[in-house]
Amino acid sequence: DALSHAKYFQSKCCETANQMQDPQLKSY
């Protein structure tokens, strides 16, 4: 479960960062 959750959150962060315009927020 922990592996699945970590992989899911990592992929969602990557997807979200790719859609962001603000460089500071994207970096975070």
PDB file of all heavy atoms in Angstrom:
ATOM      1  N   ASP A   1       0.828  -1.213   0.000  1.00  0.00           N
ATOM      2  CA  ASP A   1       0.000   0.000   0.000  1.00  0.00           C
ATOM      3  C   ASP A   1       0.858   1.257   0.000  1.00  0.00           C
ATOM      4  O   ASP A   1       0.572   2.219  -0.720  1.00  0.00           O
ATOM      5  CB  ASP A   1      -0.929   0.022   1.226  1.00  0.00           C
ATOM      6  CG  ASP A   1      -2.118  -0.899   1.095  1.00  0.00           C
ATOM      7  OD1 ASP A   1      -2.399  -1.361  -0.030  1.00  0.00           O
ATOM      8  OD2 ASP A   1      -2.760  -1.155   2.128  1.00  0.00           O
ATOM      9  N   ALA A   2       1.895   1.261   0.811  1.00  0.00           N
ATOM     10  CA  ALA A   2       2.778   2.426   0.882  1.00  0.00           C
ATOM     11  C   ALA A   2       3.457   2.671  -0.456  1.00  0.00           C
ATOM     12  O   ALA A   2       3.578   3.816  -0.899  1.00  0.00           O
ATOM     13  CB  ALA A   2       3.819   2.232   1.991  1.00  0.00           C
ATOM     14  N   LEU A   3       3.901   1.600  -1.122  1.00  0.00           N
ATOM     15  CA  LEU A   3       4.513   1.742  -2.447  1.00  0.00           C
ATOM     16  C   LEU A   3       3.515   2.327  -3.449  1.00  0.00           C
ATOM     17  O   LEU A   3       3.851   3.232  -4.221  1.00  0.00           O
ATOM     18  CB  LEU A   3       5.009   0.386  -2.956  1.00  0.00           C
ATOM     19  CG  LEU A   3       6.290  -0.153  -2.352  1.00  0.00           C
ATOM     20  CD1 LEU A   3       6.502  -1.610  -2.762  1.00  0.00           C
ATOM     21  CD2 LEU A   3       7.478   0.688  -2.770  1.00  0.00           C
ATOM     22  N   SER A   4       2.305   1.815  -3.416  1.00  0.00           N
ATOM     23  CA  SER A   4       1.268   2.304  -4.336  1.00  0.00           C
ATOM     24  C   SER A   4       0.955   3.776  -4.097  1.00  0.00           C
ATOM     25  O   SER A   4       0.833   4.554  -5.037  1.00  0.00           O
ATOM     26  CB  SER A   4      -0.014   1.482  -4.185  1.00  0.00           C
ATOM     27  OG  SER A   4       0.202   0.157  -4.576  1.00  0.00           O
ATOM     28  N   HIS A   5       0.835   4.149  -2.830  1.00  0.00           N
ATOM     29  CA  HIS A   5       0.529   5.541  -2.507  1.00  0.00           C
ATOM     30  C   HIS A   5       1.671   6.469  -2.902  1.00  0.00           C
ATOM     31  O   HIS A   5       1.435   7.542  -3.470  1.00  0.00           O
ATOM     32  CB  HIS A   5       0.212   5.693  -1.015  1.00  0.00           C
ATOM     33  CG  HIS A   5      -1.107   5.131  -0.633  1.00  0.00           C
ATOM     34  ND1 HIS A   5      -1.234   4.151   0.315  1.00  0.00           N
ATOM     35  CD2 HIS A   5      -2.358   5.382  -1.075  1.00  0.00           C
ATOM     36  CE1 HIS A   5      -2.513   3.836   0.438  1.00  0.00           C
ATOM     37  NE2 HIS A   5      -3.208   4.561  -0.393  1.00  0.00           N
ATOM     38  N   ALA A   6       2.882   6.079  -2.610  1.00  0.00           N
ATOM     39  CA  ALA A   6       4.026   6.919  -2.951  1.00  0.00           C
ATOM     40  C   ALA A   6       4.140   7.096  -4.461  1.00  0.00           C
ATOM     41  O   ALA A   6       4.387   8.203  -4.951  1.00  0.00           O
ATOM     42  CB  ALA A   6       5.315   6.326  -2.391  1.00  0.00           C
ATOM     43  N   LYS A   7       3.931   6.027  -5.219  1.00  0.00           N
ATOM     44  CA  LYS A   7       3.997   6.102  -6.679  1.00  0.00           C
ATOM     45  C   LYS A   7       2.873   6.983  -7.220  1.00  0.00           C
ATOM     46  O   LYS A   7       3.077   7.783  -8.128  1.00  0.00           O
ATOM     47  CB  LYS A   7       3.928   4.702  -7.273  1.00  0.00           C
ATOM     48  CG  LYS A   7       4.421   4.627  -8.668  1.00  0.00           C
ATOM     49  CD  LYS A   7       5.881   4.999  -8.697  1.00  0.00           C
ATOM     50  CE  LYS A   7       6.549   4.587  -9.963  1.00  0.00           C
ATOM     51  NZ  LYS A   7       7.870   5.163 -10.089  1.00  0.00           N
ATOM     52  N   TYR A   8       1.681   6.841  -6.652  1.00  0.00           N
ATOM     53  CA  TYR A   8       0.541   7.654  -7.072  1.00  0.00           C
ATOM     54  C   TYR A   8       0.802   9.138  -6.814  1.00  0.00           C
ATOM     55  O   TYR A   8       0.609   9.967  -7.711  1.00  0.00           O
ATOM     56  CB  TYR A   8      -0.722   7.204  -6.332  1.00  0.00           C
ATOM     57  CG  TYR A   8      -1.912   8.088  -6.587  1.00  0.00           C
ATOM     58  CD1 TYR A   8      -2.640   7.965  -7.759  1.00  0.00           C
ATOM     59  CD2 TYR A   8      -2.300   9.047  -5.657  1.00  0.00           C
ATOM     60  CE1 TYR A   8      -3.734   8.780  -7.997  1.00  0.00           C
ATOM     61  CE2 TYR A   8      -3.385   9.861  -5.891  1.00  0.00           C
ATOM     62  CZ  TYR A   8      -4.108   9.729  -7.066  1.00  0.00           C
ATOM     63  OH  TYR A   8      -5.179  10.552  -7.295  1.00  0.00           O
ATOM     64  N   PHE A   9       1.255   9.473  -5.614  1.00  0.00           N
ATOM     65  CA  PHE A   9       1.510  10.874  -5.285  1.00  0.00           C
ATOM     66  C   PHE A   9       2.630  11.446  -6.136  1.00  0.00           C
ATOM     67  O   PHE A   9       2.570  12.603  -6.572  1.00  0.00           O
ATOM     68  CB  PHE A   9       1.826  11.049  -3.804  1.00  0.00           C
ATOM     69  CG  PHE A   9       0.635  10.862  -2.909  1.00  0.00           C
ATOM     70  CD1 PHE A   9       0.702  10.024  -1.812  1.00  0.00           C
ATOM     71  CD2 PHE A   9      -0.561  11.509  -3.166  1.00  0.00           C
ATOM     72  CE1 PHE A   9      -0.397   9.836  -0.991  1.00  0.00           C
ATOM     73  CE2 PHE A   9      -1.666  11.332  -2.348  1.00  0.00           C
ATOM     74  CZ  PHE A   9      -1.581  10.489  -1.257  1.00  0.00           C
ATOM     75  N   GLN A  10       3.642  10.638  -6.424  1.00  0.00           N
ATOM     76  CA  GLN A  10       4.747  11.094  -7.275  1.00  0.00           C
ATOM     77  C   GLN A  10       4.230  11.408  -8.677  1.00  0.00           C
ATOM     78  O   GLN A  10       4.549  12.440  -9.251  1.00  0.00           O
ATOM     79  CB  GLN A  10       5.846  10.025  -7.325  1.00  0.00           C
ATOM     80  CG  GLN A  10       7.114  10.451  -8.029  1.00  0.00           C
ATOM     81  CD  GLN A  10       7.082  10.203  -9.521  1.00  0.00           C
ATOM     82  OE1 GLN A  10       6.437   9.278  -9.991  1.00  0.00           O
ATOM     83  NE2 GLN A  10       7.759  11.037 -10.259  1.00  0.00           N
ATOM     84  N   SER A  11       3.401  10.534  -9.219  1.00  0.00           N
ATOM     85  CA  SER A  11       2.887  10.765 -10.575  1.00  0.00           C
ATOM     86  C   SER A  11       1.944  11.963 -10.613  1.00  0.00           C
ATOM     87  O   SER A  11       1.959  12.737 -11.573  1.00  0.00           O
ATOM     88  CB  SER A  11       2.200   9.514 -11.118  1.00  0.00           C
ATOM     89  OG  SER A  11       1.019   9.230 -10.421  1.00  0.00           O
ATOM     90  N   LYS A  12       1.134  12.140  -9.582  1.00  0.00           N
ATOM     91  CA  LYS A  12       0.226  13.294  -9.541  1.00  0.00           C
ATOM     92  C   LYS A  12       1.002  14.601  -9.408  1.00  0.00           C
ATOM     93  O   LYS A  12       0.632  15.611 -10.011  1.00  0.00           O
ATOM     94  CB  LYS A  12      -0.782  13.155  -8.392  1.00  0.00           C
ATOM     95  CG  LYS A  12      -1.846  12.147  -8.664  1.00  0.00           C
ATOM     96  CD  LYS A  12      -2.610  12.515  -9.919  1.00  0.00           C
ATOM     97  CE  LYS A  12      -3.540  11.444 -10.359  1.00  0.00           C
ATOM     98  NZ  LYS A  12      -4.215  11.756 -11.623  1.00  0.00           N
ATOM     99  N   CYS A  13       2.067  14.590  -8.631  1.00  0.00           N
ATOM    100  CA  CYS A  13       2.898  15.796  -8.515  1.00  0.00           C
ATOM    101  C   CYS A  13       3.523  16.138  -9.863  1.00  0.00           C
ATOM    102  O   CYS A  13       3.555  17.307 -10.259  1.00  0.00           O
ATOM    103  CB  CYS A  13       3.991  15.599  -7.468  1.00  0.00           C
ATOM    104  SG  CYS A  13       3.394  15.628  -5.770  1.00  0.00           S
ATOM    105  N   CYS A  14       3.990  15.136 -10.567  1.00  0.00           N
ATOM    106  CA  CYS A  14       4.600  15.348 -11.880  1.00  0.00           C
ATOM    107  C   CYS A  14       3.570  15.908 -12.859  1.00  0.00           C
ATOM    108  O   CYS A  14       3.851  16.883 -13.567  1.00  0.00           O
ATOM    109  CB  CYS A  14       5.170  14.035 -12.396  1.00  0.00           C
ATOM    110  SG  CYS A  14       6.033  14.194 -13.962  1.00  0.00           S
ATOM    111  N   GLU A  15       2.396  15.311 -12.900  1.00  0.00           N
ATOM    112  CA  GLU A  15       1.329  15.791 -13.779  1.00  0.00           C
ATOM    113  C   GLU A  15       0.946  17.232 -13.450  1.00  0.00           C
ATOM    114  O   GLU A  15       0.784  18.063 -14.338  1.00  0.00           O
ATOM    115  CB  GLU A  15       0.087  14.915 -13.650  1.00  0.00           C
ATOM    116  CG  GLU A  15       0.213  13.548 -14.247  1.00  0.00           C
ATOM    117  CD  GLU A  15      -1.016  12.693 -13.974  1.00  0.00           C
ATOM    118  OE1 GLU A  15      -2.100  13.242 -13.695  1.00  0.00           O
ATOM    119  OE2 GLU A  15      -0.869  11.461 -14.031  1.00  0.00           O
ATOM    120  N   THR A  16       0.804  17.510 -12.173  1.00  0.00           N
ATOM    121  CA  THR A  16       0.400  18.848 -11.734  1.00  0.00           C
ATOM    122  C   THR A  16       1.473  19.875 -12.052  1.00  0.00           C
ATOM    123  O   THR A  16       1.176  20.966 -12.551  1.00  0.00           O
ATOM    124  CB  THR A  16       0.089  18.842 -10.224  1.00  0.00           C
ATOM    125  OG1 THR A  16      -0.934  17.880  -9.977  1.00  0.00           O
ATOM    126  CG2 THR A  16      -0.375  20.207  -9.758  1.00  0.00           C
ATOM    127  N   ALA A  17       2.721  19.540 -11.790  1.00  0.00           N
ATOM    128  CA  ALA A  17       3.824  20.470 -12.059  1.00  0.00           C
ATOM    129  C   ALA A  17       3.895  20.813 -13.543  1.00  0.00           C
ATOM    130  O   ALA A  17       4.175  21.963 -13.904  1.00  0.00           O
ATOM    131  CB  ALA A  17       5.145  19.870 -11.587  1.00  0.00           C
ATOM    132  N   ASN A  18       3.624  19.846 -14.401  1.00  0.00           N
ATOM    133  CA  ASN A  18       3.669  20.090 -15.837  1.00  0.00           C
ATOM    134  C   ASN A  18       2.584  21.049 -16.309  1.00  0.00           C
ATOM    135  O   ASN A  18       2.709  21.648 -17.380  1.00  0.00           O
ATOM    136  CB  ASN A  18       3.566  18.771 -16.611  1.00  0.00           C
ATOM    137  CG  ASN A  18       4.827  17.969 -16.522  1.00  0.00           C
ATOM    138  OD1 ASN A  18       5.908  18.503 -16.322  1.00  0.00           O
ATOM    139  ND2 ASN A  18       4.702  16.653 -16.659  1.00  0.00           N
ATOM    140  N   GLN A  19       1.548  21.229 -15.520  1.00  0.00           N
ATOM    141  CA  GLN A  19       0.450  22.111 -15.889  1.00  0.00           C
ATOM    142  C   GLN A  19       0.571  23.500 -15.265  1.00  0.00           C
ATOM    143  O   GLN A  19      -0.213  24.387 -15.582  1.00  0.00           O
ATOM    144  CB  GLN A  19      -0.882  21.490 -15.471  1.00  0.00           C
ATOM    145  CG  GLN A  19      -1.181  20.182 -16.172  1.00  0.00           C
ATOM    146  CD  GLN A  19      -2.431  19.517 -15.634  1.00  0.00           C
ATOM    147  OE1 GLN A  19      -3.158  20.074 -14.819  1.00  0.00           O
ATOM    148  NE2 GLN A  19      -2.685  18.306 -16.102  1.00  0.00           N
ATOM    149  N   MET A  20       1.542  23.707 -14.402  1.00  0.00           N
ATOM    150  CA  MET A  20       1.661  24.964 -13.670  1.00  0.00           C
ATOM    151  C   MET A  20       2.441  26.007 -14.458  1.00  0.00           C
ATOM    152  O   MET A  20       3.376  25.662 -15.187  1.00  0.00           O
ATOM    153  CB  MET A  20       2.316  24.736 -12.319  1.00  0.00           C
ATOM    154  CG  MET A  20       1.494  23.887 -11.412  1.00  0.00           C
ATOM    155  SD  MET A  20       2.248  23.784  -9.797  1.00  0.00           S
ATOM    156  CE  MET A  20       0.796  23.638  -8.812  1.00  0.00           C
ATOM    157  N   GLN A  21       2.052  27.252 -14.263  1.00  0.00           N
ATOM    158  CA  GLN A  21       2.717  28.373 -14.903  1.00  0.00           C
ATOM    159  C   GLN A  21       3.675  29.094 -13.959  1.00  0.00           C
ATOM    160  O   GLN A  21       4.705  29.597 -14.376  1.00  0.00           O
ATOM    161  CB  GLN A  21       1.668  29.374 -15.425  1.00  0.00           C
ATOM    162  CG  GLN A  21       0.683  28.768 -16.415  1.00  0.00           C
ATOM    163  CD  GLN A  21       1.355  28.240 -17.663  1.00  0.00           C
ATOM    164  OE1 GLN A  21       2.270  28.863 -18.191  1.00  0.00           O
ATOM    165  NE2 GLN A  21       0.915  27.080 -18.126  1.00  0.00           N
ATOM    166  N   ASP A  22       3.311  29.156 -12.691  1.00  0.00           N
ATOM    167  CA  ASP A  22       4.133  29.849 -11.695  1.00  0.00           C
ATOM    168  C   ASP A  22       5.401  29.038 -11.430  1.00  0.00           C
ATOM    169  O   ASP A  22       5.333  27.904 -10.945  1.00  0.00           O
ATOM    170  CB  ASP A  22       3.337  30.008 -10.398  1.00  0.00           C
ATOM    171  CG  ASP A  22       4.069  30.797  -9.330  1.00  0.00           C
ATOM    172  OD1 ASP A  22       5.280  30.539  -9.129  1.00  0.00           O
ATOM    173  OD2 ASP A  22       3.435  31.649  -8.691  1.00  0.00           O
ATOM    174  N   PRO A  23       6.581  29.585 -11.732  1.00  0.00           N
ATOM    175  CA  PRO A  23       7.817  28.814 -11.586  1.00  0.00           C
ATOM    176  C   PRO A  23       8.132  28.387 -10.152  1.00  0.00           C
ATOM    177  O   PRO A  23       8.646  27.288  -9.922  1.00  0.00           O
ATOM    178  CB  PRO A  23       8.905  29.732 -12.125  1.00  0.00           C
ATOM    179  CG  PRO A  23       8.277  31.019 -12.453  1.00  0.00           C
ATOM    180  CD  PRO A  23       6.805  30.897 -12.283  1.00  0.00           C
ATOM    181  N   GLN A  24       7.828  29.243  -9.178  1.00  0.00           N
ATOM    182  CA  GLN A  24       8.109  28.886  -7.785  1.00  0.00           C
ATOM    183  C   GLN A  24       7.213  27.748  -7.315  1.00  0.00           C
ATOM    184  O   GLN A  24       7.674  26.806  -6.672  1.00  0.00           O
ATOM    185  CB  GLN A  24       7.932  30.098  -6.873  1.00  0.00           C
ATOM    186  CG  GLN A  24       9.024  31.130  -7.026  1.00  0.00           C
ATOM    187  CD  GLN A  24       8.791  32.317  -6.108  1.00  0.00           C
ATOM    188  OE1 GLN A  24       7.668  32.789  -5.959  1.00  0.00           O
ATOM    189  NE2 GLN A  24       9.877  32.804  -5.517  1.00  0.00           N
ATOM    190  N   LEU A  25       5.944  27.845  -7.644  1.00  0.00           N
ATOM    191  CA  LEU A  25       4.996  26.806  -7.251  1.00  0.00           C
ATOM    192  C   LEU A  25       5.312  25.502  -7.988  1.00  0.00           C
ATOM    193  O   LEU A  25       5.280  24.418  -7.395  1.00  0.00           O
ATOM    194  CB  LEU A  25       3.568  27.255  -7.546  1.00  0.00           C
ATOM    195  CG  LEU A  25       2.439  26.413  -6.995  1.00  0.00           C
ATOM    196  CD1 LEU A  25       2.588  26.209  -5.491  1.00  0.00           C
ATOM    197  CD2 LEU A  25       1.098  27.065  -7.301  1.00  0.00           C
ATOM    198  N   LYS A  26       5.660  25.612  -9.258  1.00  0.00           N
ATOM    199  CA  LYS A  26       6.026  24.439 -10.039  1.00  0.00           C
ATOM    200  C   LYS A  26       7.242  23.747  -9.420  1.00  0.00           C
ATOM    201  O   LYS A  26       7.271  22.520  -9.298  1.00  0.00           O
ATOM    202  CB  LYS A  26       6.322  24.844 -11.476  1.00  0.00           C
ATOM    203  CG  LYS A  26       6.664  23.692 -12.371  1.00  0.00           C
ATOM    204  CD  LYS A  26       6.850  24.145 -13.813  1.00  0.00           C
ATOM    205  CE  LYS A  26       7.108  22.952 -14.707  1.00  0.00           C
ATOM    206  NZ  LYS A  26       7.029  23.262 -16.114  1.00  0.00           N
ATOM    207  N   SER A  27       8.221  24.518  -9.026  1.00  0.00           N
ATOM    208  CA  SER A  27       9.421  23.967  -8.406  1.00  0.00           C
ATOM    209  C   SER A  27       9.077  23.252  -7.105  1.00  0.00           C
ATOM    210  O   SER A  27       9.601  22.162  -6.822  1.00  0.00           O
ATOM    211  CB  SER A  27      10.430  25.081  -8.146  1.00  0.00           C
ATOM    212  OG  SER A  27      11.538  24.598  -7.453  1.00  0.00           O
ATOM    213  N   TYR A  28       8.207  23.848  -6.314  1.00  0.00           N
ATOM    214  CA  TYR A  28       7.800  23.245  -5.048  1.00  0.00           C
ATOM    215  C   TYR A  28       7.108  21.899  -5.277  1.00  0.00           C
ATOM    216  O   TYR A  28       7.397  20.914  -4.595  1.00  0.00           O
ATOM    217  CB  TYR A  28       6.888  24.198  -4.272  1.00  0.00           C
ATOM    218  CG  TYR A  28       6.423  23.635  -2.958  1.00  0.00           C
ATOM    219  CD1 TYR A  28       7.298  23.523  -1.886  1.00  0.00           C
ATOM    220  CD2 TYR A  28       5.116  23.187  -2.799  1.00  0.00           C
ATOM    221  CE1 TYR A  28       6.882  22.984  -0.676  1.00  0.00           C
ATOM    222  CE2 TYR A  28       4.696  22.646  -1.599  1.00  0.00           C
ATOM    223  CZ  TYR A  28       5.576  22.547  -0.540  1.00  0.00           C
ATOM    224  OH  TYR A  28       5.166  22.003   0.648  1.00  0.00           O
TER     225      TYR A  28
END
